[in-house]
Amino acid sequence: LIKLSEHKSITFPFTKVQFYGGRIGSNGAMMLAEFLRKNKTVEHISVINNLIGPRGAYAISDVFADGANKTLRVLDLHGNRIYHKGGVALAKALKKGKHMLE
C-alpha cells in the first residue's frame, strides 16, 4: 500500500483489488484512501478483516465526500472495526458525493 499511495497517478489493467486479513489497520486504510484518490480504473475493492477502525473509515469517506474518486462501485469493508461512527461518516460521504457504491 505504501508504494501504491506514493505514485502521482496510478493506472492498472485490472478493476478489482482484494486485501483479506492483512491487518492493514487504520494507517493502511489511510494509504488506501490516497490510492483511491489517484486511481482511475479500480471499480471493486475488498478489505475484509483488516482491523480498520473509525479513523480509517474517515479517511476513506473523505475521498468520496470531495469527489476524488468516481470509478469505485464496490467497497467491501466487512469484518473491520469501523463501528457506528465510521459507518455514519461513510454514509454521509457517499450521500454527499452521490456515488453508486454497494
Protein backbone atom coordinates (compact mmCIF):
# COMPACT_ATOMS: atom_id res chain seq x y z
CA LEU A 1 0.00 0.00 0.00
CA ILE A 2 2.82 2.41 0.74
CA LYS A 3 4.23 2.09 -2.77
CA LEU A 4 0.76 2.40 -4.30
CA SER A 5 -0.10 5.52 -2.32
CA GLU A 6 3.18 7.27 -3.29
CA HIS A 7 2.52 7.34 -7.05
CA LYS A 8 1.12 10.53 -8.55
CA SER A 9 -1.18 8.68 -10.94
CA ILE A 10 -2.00 5.01 -10.82
CA THR A 11 -3.47 3.07 -13.72
CA PHE A 12 -3.91 -0.69 -13.57
CA PRO A 13 -5.02 -3.12 -16.27
CA PHE A 14 -7.46 -4.62 -13.76
CA THR A 15 -10.56 -3.38 -11.94
CA LYS A 16 -10.56 -5.37 -8.67
CA VAL A 17 -8.26 -5.25 -5.63
CA GLN A 18 -8.56 -7.55 -2.60
CA PHE A 19 -6.85 -7.48 0.80
CA TYR A 20 -8.13 -10.28 3.04
CA GLY A 21 -6.97 -10.47 6.64
CA GLY A 22 -3.89 -8.34 6.04
CA ARG A 23 -4.29 -6.33 9.24
CA ILE A 24 -3.64 -3.05 7.46
CA GLY A 25 -5.45 -1.16 10.24
CA SER A 26 -6.41 2.49 10.07
CA ASN A 27 -2.94 3.54 8.91
CA GLY A 28 -3.23 1.18 5.96
CA ALA A 29 -6.74 2.47 5.28
CA MET A 30 -5.31 6.00 5.09
CA MET A 31 -2.84 4.78 2.46
CA LEU A 32 -5.72 3.05 0.68
CA ALA A 33 -7.56 6.39 0.69
CA GLU A 34 -4.58 8.01 -1.05
CA PHE A 35 -4.60 5.18 -3.58
CA LEU A 36 -8.32 5.76 -4.20
CA ARG A 37 -7.72 9.47 -4.77
CA LYS A 38 -5.24 8.73 -7.56
CA ASN A 39 -6.63 5.58 -9.17
CA LYS A 40 -8.99 5.85 -12.13
CA THR A 41 -9.53 2.18 -13.07
CA VAL A 42 -10.31 0.08 -9.98
CA GLU A 43 -14.05 -0.46 -9.55
CA HIS A 44 -14.08 -3.02 -6.70
CA ILE A 45 -12.02 -3.08 -3.50
CA SER A 46 -12.40 -5.68 -0.76
CA VAL A 47 -10.56 -5.04 2.50
CA ILE A 48 -12.11 -7.74 4.64
CA ASN A 49 -10.91 -8.46 8.20
CA ASN A 50 -8.13 -5.86 8.19
CA LEU A 51 -8.59 -4.22 11.60
CA ILE A 52 -9.68 -0.92 10.03
CA GLY A 53 -11.11 1.39 12.68
CA PRO A 54 -13.15 4.60 12.56
CA ARG A 55 -10.08 6.70 11.73
CA GLY A 56 -9.52 4.61 8.59
CA ALA A 57 -13.20 4.88 7.67
CA TYR A 58 -12.98 8.68 8.00
CA ALA A 59 -10.00 8.77 5.62
CA ILE A 60 -11.84 6.66 3.04
CA SER A 61 -15.03 8.68 3.45
CA ASP A 62 -13.14 11.92 2.70
CA VAL A 63 -12.25 10.54 -0.75
CA PHE A 64 -15.93 10.24 -1.63
CA ALA A 65 -17.09 13.39 0.11
CA ASP A 66 -14.81 15.55 -2.03
CA GLY A 67 -15.49 13.58 -5.24
CA ALA A 68 -11.86 12.50 -5.68
CA ASN A 69 -12.82 9.01 -6.93
CA LYS A 70 -15.66 8.42 -9.34
CA THR A 71 -14.79 4.92 -10.60
CA LEU A 72 -15.15 2.77 -7.48
CA ARG A 73 -18.50 0.94 -7.39
CA VAL A 74 -17.93 -1.66 -4.65
CA LEU A 75 -16.16 -1.11 -1.34
CA ASP A 76 -16.30 -4.16 0.93
CA LEU A 77 -15.27 -3.35 4.50
CA HIS A 78 -16.94 -6.18 6.39
CA GLY A 79 -15.14 -7.73 9.30
CA ASN A 80 -13.39 -4.48 10.23
CA ARG A 81 -13.86 -2.27 13.27
CA ILE A 82 -15.25 0.91 11.76
CA TYR A 83 -18.10 0.90 14.29
CA HIS A 84 -21.09 3.23 14.15
CA LYS A 85 -19.04 6.45 13.81
CA GLY A 86 -17.10 5.15 10.82
CA GLY A 87 -20.23 3.81 9.18
CA VAL A 88 -22.04 7.12 9.61
CA ALA A 89 -19.07 9.01 8.14
CA LEU A 90 -19.05 6.73 5.10
CA ALA A 91 -22.82 7.00 4.63
CA LYS A 92 -22.72 10.81 4.79
CA ALA A 93 -19.80 10.99 2.37
CA LEU A 94 -21.47 8.69 -0.14
CA LYS A 95 -24.68 10.67 0.07
CA LYS A 96 -22.79 13.95 -0.36
CA GLY A 97 -20.65 12.60 -3.18
CA LYS A 98 -23.59 10.77 -4.76
CA HIS A 99 -21.51 7.75 -5.64
CA MET A 100 -23.07 4.45 -6.53
CA LEU A 101 -21.35 2.06 -4.13
CA GLU A 102 -22.67 -1.29 -2.94
